[in-house]
Structure formats: structure tokens, C-alpha cells
PDB file of N, CA and C in Angstrom:
ATOM      1  N   MET A   1     -63.144 -33.781 -61.900  1.00  0.00           N
ATOM      2  CA  MET A   1     -63.673 -32.241 -60.366  1.00  0.00           C
ATOM      3  C   MET A   1     -64.341 -31.131 -61.178  1.00  0.00           C
ATOM      4  N   ILE A   2     -65.726 -30.974 -60.379  1.00  0.00           N
ATOM      5  CA  ILE A   2     -65.863 -29.406 -60.962  1.00  0.00           C
ATOM      6  C   ILE A   2     -65.534 -28.876 -59.698  1.00  0.00           C
ATOM      7  N   SER A   3     -64.921 -27.292 -59.237  1.00  0.00           N
ATOM      8  CA  SER A   3     -64.501 -26.633 -58.901  1.00  0.00           C
ATOM      9  C   SER A   3     -65.446 -25.202 -58.622  1.00  0.00           C
ATOM     10  N   VAL A   4     -65.845 -24.507 -57.601  1.00  0.00           N
ATOM     11  CA  VAL A   4     -66.081 -23.427 -57.932  1.00  0.00           C
ATOM     12  C   VAL A   4     -65.604 -21.770 -57.732  1.00  0.00           C
ATOM     13  N   THR A   5     -65.619 -20.666 -58.040  1.00  0.00           N
ATOM     14  CA  THR A   5     -65.240 -20.271 -57.598  1.00  0.00           C
ATOM     15  C   THR A   5     -65.929 -18.970 -56.347  1.00  0.00           C
ATOM     16  N   ASP A   6     -65.120 -17.551 -56.077  1.00  0.00           N
ATOM     17  CA  ASP A   6     -65.583 -17.719 -54.512  1.00  0.00           C
ATOM     18  C   ASP A   6     -66.414 -16.838 -54.931  1.00  0.00           C
ATOM     19  N   LYS A   7     -67.264 -15.944 -55.988  1.00  0.00           N
ATOM     20  CA  LYS A   7     -67.817 -15.314 -56.581  1.00  0.00           C
ATOM     21  C   LYS A   7     -69.040 -16.403 -56.232  1.00  0.00           C
ATOM     22  N   ALA A   8     -68.793 -17.379 -57.387  1.00  0.00           N
ATOM     23  CA  ALA A   8     -70.636 -18.143 -58.082  1.00  0.00           C
ATOM     24  C   ALA A   8     -70.711 -18.914 -55.888  1.00  0.00           C
ATOM     25  N   LYS A   9     -69.846 -19.292 -55.074  1.00  0.00           N
ATOM     26  CA  LYS A   9     -70.541 -19.382 -53.897  1.00  0.00           C
ATOM     27  C   LYS A   9     -70.572 -18.265 -52.916  1.00  0.00           C
ATOM     28  N   SER A  10     -70.229 -17.228 -52.848  1.00  0.00           N
ATOM     29  CA  SER A  10     -70.902 -16.412 -52.574  1.00  0.00           C
ATOM     30  C   SER A  10     -72.558 -15.829 -52.944  1.00  0.00           C
ATOM     31  N   ARG A  11     -72.478 -16.370 -54.600  1.00  0.00           N
ATOM     32  CA  ARG A  11     -73.606 -16.125 -54.861  1.00  0.00           C
ATOM     33  C   ARG A  11     -75.272 -17.105 -54.458  1.00  0.00           C
ATOM     34  N   ILE A  12     -74.486 -18.117 -54.914  1.00  0.00           N
ATOM     35  CA  ILE A  12     -74.954 -19.548 -54.584  1.00  0.00           C
ATOM     36  C   ILE A  12     -76.037 -18.924 -52.878  1.00  0.00           C
ATOM     37  N   SER A  13     -74.879 -18.902 -51.793  1.00  0.00           N
ATOM     38  CA  SER A  13     -75.955 -18.475 -50.477  1.00  0.00           C
ATOM     39  C   SER A  13     -76.586 -17.385 -50.168  1.00  0.00           C
ATOM     40  N   GLU A  14     -76.592 -16.440 -51.560  1.00  0.00           N
ATOM     41  CA  GLU A  14     -77.445 -15.661 -51.475  1.00  0.00           C
ATOM     42  C   GLU A  14     -78.855 -16.277 -51.854  1.00  0.00           C
ATOM     43  N   LEU A  15     -78.559 -16.969 -52.478  1.00  0.00           N
ATOM     44  CA  LEU A  15     -79.509 -17.838 -53.135  1.00  0.00           C
ATOM     45  C   LEU A  15     -80.423 -18.281 -52.345  1.00  0.00           C
ATOM     46  N   LEU A  16     -79.902 -18.718 -51.655  1.00  0.00           N
ATOM     47  CA  LEU A  16     -79.873 -20.220 -50.732  1.00  0.00           C
ATOM     48  C   LEU A  16     -81.109 -19.135 -49.745  1.00  0.00           C
ATOM     49  N   LYS A  17     -80.579 -17.993 -49.355  1.00  0.00           N
ATOM     50  CA  LYS A  17     -81.540 -17.706 -47.997  1.00  0.00           C
ATOM     51  C   LYS A  17     -82.296 -16.511 -48.979  1.00  0.00           C
ATOM     52  N   GLU A  18     -82.287 -15.898 -49.829  1.00  0.00           N
ATOM     53  CA  GLU A  18     -83.762 -15.645 -51.168  1.00  0.00           C
ATOM     54  C   GLU A  18     -84.844 -16.430 -51.221  1.00  0.00           C
ATOM     55  N   GLU A  19     -84.334 -17.410 -50.968  1.00  0.00           N
ATOM     56  CA  GLU A  19     -85.174 -18.793 -51.144  1.00  0.00           C
ATOM     57  C   GLU A  19     -85.722 -19.623 -50.194  1.00  0.00           C
ATOM     58  N   GLY A  20     -85.526 -19.242 -48.870  1.00  0.00           N
ATOM     59  CA  GLY A  20     -85.489 -19.394 -48.035  1.00  0.00           C
ATOM     60  C   GLY A  20     -85.200 -21.087 -47.908  1.00  0.00           C
ATOM     61  N   ARG A  21     -84.441 -21.362 -48.414  1.00  0.00           N
ATOM     62  CA  ARG A  21     -84.194 -23.060 -48.030  1.00  0.00           C
ATOM     63  C   ARG A  21     -83.228 -23.175 -47.012  1.00  0.00           C
ATOM     64  N   THR A  22     -83.330 -23.813 -46.083  1.00  0.00           N
ATOM     65  CA  THR A  22     -82.977 -24.942 -45.342  1.00  0.00           C
ATOM     66  C   THR A  22     -81.867 -26.087 -45.806  1.00  0.00           C
ATOM     67  N   GLY A  23     -81.480 -26.207 -44.578  1.00  0.00           N
ATOM     68  CA  GLY A  23     -80.711 -27.429 -44.444  1.00  0.00           C
ATOM     69  C   GLY A  23     -79.889 -28.070 -45.725  1.00  0.00           C
ATOM     70  N   ALA A  24     -79.588 -28.895 -45.807  1.00  0.00           N
ATOM     71  CA  ALA A  24     -78.672 -29.739 -47.551  1.00  0.00           C
ATOM     72  C   ALA A  24     -79.448 -29.864 -48.394  1.00  0.00           C
ATOM     73  N   HIS A  25     -79.124 -28.120 -49.432  1.00  0.00           N
ATOM     74  CA  HIS A  25     -79.532 -27.988 -50.943  1.00  0.00           C
ATOM     75  C   HIS A  25     -77.997 -28.149 -51.480  1.00  0.00           C
ATOM     76  N   ASN A  26     -77.608 -28.744 -52.138  1.00  0.00           N
ATOM     77  CA  ASN A  26     -76.746 -29.221 -53.375  1.00  0.00           C
ATOM     78  C   ASN A  26     -77.384 -28.683 -54.394  1.00  0.00           C
ATOM     79  N   VAL A  27     -75.844 -28.295 -55.224  1.00  0.00           N
ATOM     80  CA  VAL A  27     -76.243 -27.553 -56.729  1.00  0.00           C
ATOM     81  C   VAL A  27     -75.858 -28.761 -57.906  1.00  0.00           C
ATOM     82  N   ARG A  28     -76.965 -28.731 -58.359  1.00  0.00           N
ATOM     83  CA  ARG A  28     -77.453 -29.552 -59.732  1.00  0.00           C
ATOM     84  C   ARG A  28     -76.790 -29.005 -61.271  1.00  0.00           C
ATOM     85  N   VAL A  29     -75.196 -29.748 -61.248  1.00  0.00           N
ATOM     86  CA  VAL A  29     -74.652 -29.151 -62.485  1.00  0.00           C
ATOM     87  C   VAL A  29     -75.200 -30.394 -63.533  1.00  0.00           C
ATOM     88  N   SER A  30     -76.203 -29.916 -64.856  1.00  0.00           N
ATOM     89  CA  SER A  30     -76.002 -30.311 -65.684  1.00  0.00           C
ATOM     90  C   SER A  30     -76.191 -30.560 -67.050  1.00  0.00           C
ATOM     91  N   VAL A  31     -76.557 -31.716 -68.088  1.00  0.00           N
ATOM     92  CA  VAL A  31     -76.014 -30.842 -69.746  1.00  0.00           C
ATOM     93  C   VAL A  31     -77.345 -31.595 -70.184  1.00  0.00           C
ATOM     94  N   LYS A  32     -77.876 -30.775 -71.052  1.00  0.00           N
ATOM     95  CA  LYS A  32     -79.033 -31.206 -71.837  1.00  0.00           C
ATOM     96  C   LYS A  32     -78.757 -30.474 -73.297  1.00  0.00           C
ATOM     97  N   GLY A  33     -79.302 -31.539 -74.905  1.00  0.00           N
ATOM     98  CA  GLY A  33     -79.137 -31.023 -75.727  1.00  0.00           C
ATOM     99  C   GLY A  33     -80.241 -30.058 -75.721  1.00  0.00           C
ATOM    100  N   GLY A  34     -79.074 -28.421 -76.728  1.00  0.00           N
ATOM    101  CA  GLY A  34     -80.624 -27.252 -77.516  1.00  0.00           C
ATOM    102  C   GLY A  34     -79.267 -26.508 -77.001  1.00  0.00           C
ATOM    103  N   GLY A  35     -79.610 -25.142 -77.802  1.00  0.00           N
ATOM    104  CA  GLY A  35     -79.342 -23.903 -76.864  1.00  0.00           C
ATOM    105  C   GLY A  35     -78.546 -24.203 -79.027  1.00  0.00           C
ATOM    106  N   CYS A  36     -78.198 -22.219 -78.857  1.00  0.00           N
ATOM    107  CA  CYS A  36     -77.505 -22.410 -80.187  1.00  0.00           C
ATOM    108  C   CYS A  36     -76.371 -23.126 -80.197  1.00  0.00           C
ATOM    109  N   SER A  37     -75.183 -23.577 -79.687  1.00  0.00           N
ATOM    110  CA  SER A  37     -74.146 -24.672 -79.940  1.00  0.00           C
ATOM    111  C   SER A  37     -74.532 -25.964 -79.514  1.00  0.00           C
ATOM    112  N   GLY A  38     -76.177 -26.525 -79.851  1.00  0.00           N
ATOM    113  CA  GLY A  38     -76.509 -27.852 -79.263  1.00  0.00           C
ATOM    114  C   GLY A  38     -76.204 -28.661 -78.033  1.00  0.00           C
ATOM    115  N   LEU A  39     -75.294 -27.814 -76.784  1.00  0.00           N
ATOM    116  CA  LEU A  39     -75.560 -28.287 -75.764  1.00  0.00           C
ATOM    117  C   LEU A  39     -76.160 -26.757 -74.519  1.00  0.00           C
ATOM    118  N   MET A  40     -76.303 -27.062 -73.478  1.00  0.00           N
ATOM    119  CA  MET A  40     -76.404 -26.597 -72.573  1.00  0.00           C
ATOM    120  C   MET A  40     -77.106 -26.796 -71.615  1.00  0.00           C
ATOM    121  N   TYR A  41     -76.240 -26.263 -70.582  1.00  0.00           N
ATOM    122  CA  TYR A  41     -75.810 -26.269 -69.216  1.00  0.00           C
ATOM    123  C   TYR A  41     -77.179 -25.857 -68.389  1.00  0.00           C
ATOM    124  N   ASP A  42     -77.415 -26.917 -67.558  1.00  0.00           N
ATOM    125  CA  ASP A  42     -78.594 -26.345 -66.822  1.00  0.00           C
ATOM    126  C   ASP A  42     -78.388 -26.675 -64.783  1.00  0.00           C
ATOM    127  N   LEU A  43     -78.524 -25.479 -64.273  1.00  0.00           N
ATOM    128  CA  LEU A  43     -78.270 -25.460 -62.565  1.00  0.00           C
ATOM    129  C   LEU A  43     -79.787 -25.324 -62.329  1.00  0.00           C
ATOM    130  N   ASP A  44     -79.107 -26.046 -60.835  1.00  0.00           N
ATOM    131  CA  ASP A  44     -80.036 -25.553 -59.839  1.00  0.00           C
ATOM    132  C   ASP A  44     -79.975 -25.936 -58.555  1.00  0.00           C
ATOM    133  N   PHE A  45     -81.274 -26.340 -58.228  1.00  0.00           N
ATOM    134  CA  PHE A  45     -80.678 -26.834 -56.081  1.00  0.00           C
ATOM    135  C   PHE A  45     -81.489 -27.941 -56.169  1.00  0.00           C
ATOM    136  N   ASP A  46     -80.617 -28.554 -55.448  1.00  0.00           N
ATOM    137  CA  ASP A  46     -81.755 -30.304 -55.413  1.00  0.00           C
ATOM    138  C   ASP A  46     -80.967 -30.661 -53.743  1.00  0.00           C
ATOM    139  N   ASP A  47     -82.383 -31.302 -53.372  1.00  0.00           N
ATOM    140  CA  ASP A  47     -81.982 -31.629 -51.771  1.00  0.00           C
ATOM    141  C   ASP A  47     -81.696 -33.525 -51.917  1.00  0.00           C
ATOM    142  N   LYS A  48     -81.691 -34.474 -53.233  1.00  0.00           N
ATOM    143  CA  LYS A  48     -81.996 -35.293 -53.252  1.00  0.00           C
ATOM    144  C   LYS A  48     -80.815 -36.062 -54.067  1.00  0.00           C
ATOM    145  N   ILE A  49     -79.517 -36.984 -53.799  1.00  0.00           N
ATOM    146  CA  ILE A  49     -78.641 -37.345 -53.578  1.00  0.00           C
ATOM    147  C   ILE A  49     -79.451 -38.970 -54.437  1.00  0.00           C
ATOM    148  N   GLU A  50     -79.270 -38.692 -56.175  1.00  0.00           N
ATOM    149  CA  GLU A  50     -78.975 -40.687 -56.852  1.00  0.00           C
ATOM    150  C   GLU A  50     -77.937 -41.006 -56.331  1.00  0.00           C
ATOM    151  N   PRO A  51     -78.775 -42.477 -57.062  1.00  0.00           N
ATOM    152  CA  PRO A  51     -77.610 -43.546 -56.970  1.00  0.00           C
ATOM    153  C   PRO A  51     -76.440 -43.138 -57.460  1.00  0.00           C
ATOM    154  N   ALA A  52     -77.004 -42.621 -58.541  1.00  0.00           N
ATOM    155  CA  ALA A  52     -76.056 -42.555 -60.004  1.00  0.00           C
ATOM    156  C   ALA A  52     -74.980 -41.600 -59.655  1.00  0.00           C
ATOM    157  N   ASP A  53     -74.987 -40.684 -59.180  1.00  0.00           N
ATOM    158  CA  ASP A  53     -74.611 -39.256 -59.158  1.00  0.00           C
ATOM    159  C   ASP A  53     -73.173 -39.401 -58.697  1.00  0.00           C
ATOM    160  N   GLN A  54     -72.295 -38.775 -58.988  1.00  0.00           N
ATOM    161  CA  GLN A  54     -71.046 -38.111 -58.836  1.00  0.00           C
ATOM    162  C   GLN A  54     -71.421 -36.801 -57.666  1.00  0.00           C
ATOM    163  N   VAL A  55     -71.074 -36.690 -56.859  1.00  0.00           N
ATOM    164  CA  VAL A  55     -70.537 -35.914 -55.769  1.00  0.00           C
ATOM    165  C   VAL A  55     -69.494 -35.231 -55.661  1.00  0.00           C
ATOM    166  N   PHE A  56     -69.488 -33.532 -55.862  1.00  0.00           N
ATOM    167  CA  PHE A  56     -67.973 -33.093 -55.531  1.00  0.00           C
ATOM    168  C   PHE A  56     -68.352 -31.658 -54.564  1.00  0.00           C
ATOM    169  N   GLU A  57     -67.603 -31.369 -53.599  1.00  0.00           N
ATOM    170  CA  GLU A  57     -67.649 -30.448 -53.181  1.00  0.00           C
ATOM    171  C   GLU A  57     -66.030 -29.599 -53.335  1.00  0.00           C
ATOM    172  N   ASP A  58     -66.702 -28.395 -52.933  1.00  0.00           N
ATOM    173  CA  ASP A  58     -65.395 -26.970 -52.946  1.00  0.00           C
ATOM    174  C   ASP A  58     -65.762 -25.814 -52.429  1.00  0.00           C
ATOM    175  N   LYS A  59     -65.245 -25.848 -52.048  1.00  0.00           N
ATOM    176  CA  LYS A  59     -65.635 -24.611 -50.317  1.00  0.00           C
ATOM    177  C   LYS A  59     -66.780 -24.454 -50.449  1.00  0.00           C
ATOM    178  N   GLY A  60     -66.940 -25.852 -49.875  1.00  0.00           N
ATOM    179  CA  GLY A  60     -68.362 -26.071 -49.113  1.00  0.00           C
ATOM    180  C   GLY A  60     -69.532 -25.783 -49.862  1.00  0.00           C
ATOM    181  N   VAL A  61     -69.755 -26.159 -50.945  1.00  0.00           N
ATOM    182  CA  VAL A  61     -70.753 -26.554 -51.815  1.00  0.00           C
ATOM    183  C   VAL A  61     -70.210 -28.015 -52.521  1.00  0.00           C
ATOM    184  N   LYS A  62     -71.776 -28.408 -51.889  1.00  0.00           N
ATOM    185  CA  LYS A  62     -71.707 -30.254 -52.799  1.00  0.00           C
ATOM    186  C   LYS A  62     -72.405 -29.737 -54.364  1.00  0.00           C
ATOM    187  N   ILE A  63     -72.045 -30.128 -55.059  1.00  0.00           N
ATOM    188  CA  ILE A  63     -71.823 -29.965 -56.163  1.00  0.00           C
ATOM    189  C   ILE A  63     -72.184 -31.566 -57.248  1.00  0.00           C
ATOM    190  N   LEU A  64     -73.827 -31.679 -57.550  1.00  0.00           N
ATOM    191  CA  LEU A  64     -73.839 -33.204 -57.817  1.00  0.00           C
ATOM    192  C   LEU A  64     -74.414 -33.330 -59.593  1.00  0.00           C
ATOM    193  N   VAL A  65     -73.154 -33.998 -59.720  1.00  0.00           N
ATOM    194  CA  VAL A  65     -73.733 -34.221 -61.917  1.00  0.00           C
ATOM    195  C   VAL A  65     -73.899 -35.758 -62.005  1.00  0.00           C
ATOM    196  N   ASP A  66     -74.739 -35.971 -63.628  1.00  0.00           N
ATOM    197  CA  ASP A  66     -75.370 -37.863 -63.420  1.00  0.00           C
ATOM    198  C   ASP A  66     -74.258 -37.572 -64.199  1.00  0.00           C
ATOM    199  N   LYS A  67     -74.076 -39.365 -64.764  1.00  0.00           N
ATOM    200  CA  LYS A  67     -73.090 -40.120 -65.049  1.00  0.00           C
ATOM    201  C   LYS A  67     -72.831 -39.809 -66.113  1.00  0.00           C
ATOM    202  N   LYS A  68     -74.264 -39.143 -67.069  1.00  0.00           N
ATOM    203  CA  LYS A  68     -73.806 -38.325 -68.338  1.00  0.00           C
ATOM    204  C   LYS A  68     -73.090 -37.205 -68.996  1.00  0.00           C
ATOM    205  N   SER A  69     -73.469 -36.064 -67.985  1.00  0.00           N
ATOM    206  CA  SER A  69     -73.331 -35.100 -67.410  1.00  0.00           C
ATOM    207  C   SER A  69     -71.765 -34.851 -67.726  1.00  0.00           C
ATOM    208  N   LEU A  70     -71.895 -35.298 -66.378  1.00  0.00           N
ATOM    209  CA  LEU A  70     -70.236 -35.409 -66.148  1.00  0.00           C
ATOM    210  C   LEU A  70     -69.278 -35.033 -66.938  1.00  0.00           C
ATOM    211  N   LEU A  71     -69.252 -36.250 -68.115  1.00  0.00           N
ATOM    212  CA  LEU A  71     -68.078 -36.840 -69.436  1.00  0.00           C
ATOM    213  C   LEU A  71     -67.858 -35.192 -69.862  1.00  0.00           C
ATOM    214  N   TYR A  72     -69.206 -34.024 -70.466  1.00  0.00           N
ATOM    215  CA  TYR A  72     -68.857 -32.948 -70.263  1.00  0.00           C
ATOM    216  C   TYR A  72     -68.547 -31.665 -69.977  1.00  0.00           C
ATOM    217  N   LEU A  73     -68.381 -31.617 -68.270  1.00  0.00           N
ATOM    218  CA  LEU A  73     -68.336 -31.515 -67.839  1.00  0.00           C
ATOM    219  C   LEU A  73     -67.427 -31.484 -66.532  1.00  0.00           C
ATOM    220  N   LEU A  74     -65.908 -32.633 -66.711  1.00  0.00           N
ATOM    221  CA  LEU A  74     -65.186 -32.752 -65.892  1.00  0.00           C
ATOM    222  C   LEU A  74     -63.865 -31.692 -66.122  1.00  0.00           C
ATOM    223  N   GLY A  75     -63.583 -30.753 -64.768  1.00  0.00           N
ATOM    224  CA  GLY A  75     -62.664 -29.896 -65.119  1.00  0.00           C
ATOM    225  C   GLY A  75     -63.030 -28.319 -65.610  1.00  0.00           C
ATOM    226  N   THR A  76     -64.879 -28.312 -65.253  1.00  0.00           N
ATOM    227  CA  THR A  76     -64.964 -27.097 -65.505  1.00  0.00           C
ATOM    228  C   THR A  76     -65.040 -26.370 -64.255  1.00  0.00           C
ATOM    229  N   THR A  77     -65.371 -25.055 -64.259  1.00  0.00           N
ATOM    230  CA  THR A  77     -65.527 -23.776 -63.300  1.00  0.00           C
ATOM    231  C   THR A  77     -66.300 -23.735 -62.901  1.00  0.00           C
ATOM    232  N   LEU A  78     -66.901 -23.460 -61.508  1.00  0.00           N
ATOM    233  CA  LEU A  78     -68.102 -22.702 -61.819  1.00  0.00           C
ATOM    234  C   LEU A  78     -68.214 -20.844 -61.340  1.00  0.00           C
ATOM    235  N   ASP A  79     -68.662 -20.345 -62.251  1.00  0.00           N
ATOM    236  CA  ASP A  79     -68.065 -18.861 -61.724  1.00  0.00           C
ATOM    237  C   ASP A  79     -69.473 -17.392 -62.230  1.00  0.00           C
ATOM    238  N   PHE A  80     -69.241 -16.658 -60.959  1.00  0.00           N
ATOM    239  CA  PHE A  80     -70.049 -15.353 -61.311  1.00  0.00           C
ATOM    240  C   PHE A  80     -69.886 -14.704 -61.773  1.00  0.00           C
ATOM    241  N   SER A  81     -70.960 -13.831 -62.750  1.00  0.00           N
ATOM    242  CA  SER A  81     -70.191 -12.634 -63.291  1.00  0.00           C
ATOM    243  C   SER A  81     -71.465 -11.417 -62.422  1.00  0.00           C
ATOM    244  N   ASP A  82     -70.757 -10.235 -62.562  1.00  0.00           N
ATOM    245  CA  ASP A  82     -72.156  -8.941 -61.894  1.00  0.00           C
ATOM    246  C   ASP A  82     -71.674  -7.687 -62.835  1.00  0.00           C
ATOM    247  N   GLY A  83     -70.776  -8.642 -63.824  1.00  0.00           N
ATOM    248  CA  GLY A  83     -70.313  -7.137 -64.880  1.00  0.00           C
ATOM    249  C   GLY A  83     -71.368  -6.466 -65.955  1.00  0.00           C
ATOM    250  N   LEU A  84     -70.766  -5.526 -65.817  1.00  0.00           N
ATOM    251  CA  LEU A  84     -70.874  -4.665 -67.590  1.00  0.00           C
ATOM    252  C   LEU A  84     -72.094  -5.581 -68.581  1.00  0.00           C
ATOM    253  N   ASN A  85     -70.276  -7.089 -68.523  1.00  0.00           N
ATOM    254  CA  ASN A  85     -71.238  -7.943 -70.223  1.00  0.00           C
ATOM    255  C   ASN A  85     -72.106  -9.136 -69.538  1.00  0.00           C
ATOM    256  N   GLY A  86     -72.454  -8.663 -68.503  1.00  0.00           N
ATOM    257  CA  GLY A  86     -74.362  -9.797 -68.283  1.00  0.00           C
ATOM    258  C   GLY A  86     -73.883 -10.062 -66.623  1.00  0.00           C
ATOM    259  N   LYS A  87     -74.609 -10.821 -66.510  1.00  0.00           N
ATOM    260  CA  LYS A  87     -75.134 -10.994 -64.766  1.00  0.00           C
ATOM    261  C   LYS A  87     -75.428 -12.605 -65.261  1.00  0.00           C
ATOM    262  N   GLY A  88     -74.511 -13.266 -64.259  1.00  0.00           N
ATOM    263  CA  GLY A  88     -75.131 -14.671 -64.241  1.00  0.00           C
ATOM    264  C   GLY A  88     -73.834 -15.638 -63.766  1.00  0.00           C
ATOM    265  N   PHE A  89     -74.660 -16.755 -63.504  1.00  0.00           N
ATOM    266  CA  PHE A  89     -73.859 -17.993 -63.388  1.00  0.00           C
ATOM    267  C   PHE A  89     -72.762 -18.477 -64.964  1.00  0.00           C
ATOM    268  N   GLN A  90     -71.521 -18.222 -64.947  1.00  0.00           N
ATOM    269  CA  GLN A  90     -70.692 -18.788 -66.010  1.00  0.00           C
ATOM    270  C   GLN A  90     -69.977 -20.075 -66.092  1.00  0.00           C
ATOM    271  N   PHE A  91     -70.034 -20.306 -66.583  1.00  0.00           N
ATOM    272  CA  PHE A  91     -68.966 -22.352 -66.862  1.00  0.00           C
ATOM    273  C   PHE A  91     -68.076 -22.094 -67.799  1.00  0.00           C
ATOM    274  N   VAL A  92     -66.411 -22.110 -67.173  1.00  0.00           N
ATOM    275  CA  VAL A  92     -65.237 -22.346 -67.527  1.00  0.00           C
ATOM    276  C   VAL A  92     -65.092 -24.184 -67.849  1.00  0.00           C
ATOM    277  N   ASN A  93     -65.721 -24.360 -69.103  1.00  0.00           N
ATOM    278  CA  ASN A  93     -65.049 -25.424 -69.856  1.00  0.00           C
ATOM    279  C   ASN A  93     -64.393 -25.865 -70.585  1.00  0.00           C
ATOM    280  N   PRO A  94     -63.172 -26.046 -69.860  1.00  0.00           N
ATOM    281  CA  PRO A  94     -61.832 -27.328 -70.895  1.00  0.00           C
ATOM    282  C   PRO A  94     -62.563 -27.961 -72.186  1.00  0.00           C
ATOM    283  N   ASN A  95     -63.501 -28.538 -72.141  1.00  0.00           N
ATOM    284  CA  ASN A  95     -63.616 -29.123 -72.991  1.00  0.00           C
ATOM    285  C   ASN A  95     -64.951 -28.347 -74.518  1.00  0.00           C
ATOM    286  N   ALA A  96     -65.387 -28.009 -74.346  1.00  0.00           N
ATOM    287  CA  ALA A  96     -66.009 -27.350 -75.162  1.00  0.00           C
ATOM    288  C   ALA A  96     -65.029 -26.206 -76.148  1.00  0.00           C
ATOM    289  N   SER A  97     -65.243 -27.073 -77.220  1.00  0.00           N
ATOM    290  CA  SER A  97     -64.071 -26.832 -78.049  1.00  0.00           C
ATOM    291  C   SER A  97     -65.514 -25.425 -78.687  1.00  0.00           C
ATOM    292  N   ARG A  98     -66.355 -24.930 -78.490  1.00  0.00           N
ATOM    293  CA  ARG A  98     -67.027 -23.242 -79.055  1.00  0.00           C
ATOM    294  C   ARG A  98     -68.243 -23.597 -78.384  1.00  0.00           C
ATOM    295  N   THR A  99     -68.793 -21.987 -77.237  1.00  0.00           N
ATOM    296  CA  THR A  99     -69.794 -22.114 -77.011  1.00  0.00           C
ATOM    297  C   THR A  99     -70.410 -20.711 -77.777  1.00  0.00           C
ATOM    298  N   CYS A 100     -71.934 -20.270 -76.992  1.00  0.00           N
ATOM    299  CA  CYS A 100     -72.239 -19.629 -77.743  1.00  0.00           C
ATOM    300  C   CYS A 100     -71.990 -17.674 -77.308  1.00  0.00           C
ATOM    301  N   GLY A 101     -72.613 -16.631 -77.859  1.00  0.00           N
ATOM    302  CA  GLY A 101     -72.303 -15.410 -76.852  1.00  0.00           C
ATOM    303  C   GLY A 101     -72.383 -15.170 -75.518  1.00  0.00           C
ATOM    304  N   CYS A 102     -74.050 -16.043 -75.523  1.00  0.00           N
ATOM    305  CA  CYS A 102     -74.339 -15.790 -73.822  1.00  0.00           C
ATOM    306  C   CYS A 102     -74.518 -16.731 -73.117  1.00  0.00           C
ATOM    307  N   GLY A 103     -73.179 -17.980 -73.641  1.00  0.00           N
ATOM    308  CA  GLY A 103     -72.327 -18.543 -72.893  1.00  0.00           C
ATOM    309  C   GLY A 103     -72.677 -19.382 -71.717  1.00  0.00           C
ATOM    310  N   GLU A 104     -74.099 -19.915 -72.365  1.00  0.00           N
ATOM    311  CA  GLU A 104     -75.141 -20.460 -71.758  1.00  0.00           C
ATOM    312  C   GLU A 104     -75.103 -22.159 -72.618  1.00  0.00           C
ATOM    313  N   SER A 105     -74.750 -22.175 -73.930  1.00  0.00           N
ATOM    314  CA  SER A 105     -75.050 -23.764 -74.595  1.00  0.00           C
ATOM    315  C   SER A 105     -73.171 -23.495 -75.179  1.00  0.00           C
ATOM    316  N   PHE A 106     -72.958 -24.507 -75.669  1.00  0.00           N
ATOM    317  CA  PHE A 106     -71.309 -24.859 -76.170  1.00  0.00           C
ATOM    318  C   PHE A 106     -71.315 -26.327 -77.264  1.00  0.00           C
ATOM    319  N   SER A 107     -70.677 -26.769 -78.045  1.00  0.00           N
ATOM    320  CA  SER A 107     -70.303 -27.889 -78.277  1.00  0.00           C
ATOM    321  C   SER A 107     -68.420 -28.619 -77.827  1.00  0.00           C
ATOM    322  N   ILE A 108     -69.126 -29.766 -78.322  1.00  0.00           N
ATOM    323  CA  ILE A 108     -67.682 -30.555 -78.113  1.00  0.00           C
ATOM    324  C   ILE A 108     -67.215 -31.081 -79.160  1.00  0.00           C
TER     325      ILE A 108
END
């Protein structure tokens, strides 16, 4: 399962309004090679659910994850921070053995 904090849910709703998106827009979370730790998170809106996608819903937010990325993301919480240490979405991933300072890449 992938969960969403209240702050992340609020920010996702704000972004959908800012971008003028209506209807069913889901959040797609994936993992790609790259970054200073070897793997990077990718986050985007997607209105299509692919047959191989795993779909999670938390606090009314539908999260789409492809099969390959799911192995790296199980148990992850999507959070949003707007504090002094930076602003943006953060991934709290129990599978990551190391993360970079910016929090956008990790290794297992």
C-alpha cells in the first residue's frame, strides 16, 4: 500500500485546481534510474489506468503504480512539506537504505 498524508492530499487538490484539471485525475508514482543515489521518484497526474497498474486509494486520492516501481514503493507514504528545509513532495520510503540530501533519489 502507498499512503498519503493530509498535507499531501491538500497540495494535490490545490495543484489540480491550479492546472484546471477536472474529472478523474490520478497521481502516478514511479521509480526511474538516476539521481545521486541511483533511483529517482517520479510524480505526475494521469487520467489513464493501464492494465498492469496497481491502484491504491488513500484519503480520496487514487495512486497509480506500475509493477516494476511497486517493488520499490510498498509501504511508502507521500508527504508534502512547505517548511524552511524545503518545499515539495517527500517520499517516506521504508525500503530505502540510503537517500540523498534533496530526498528525490534513493537506493535499496
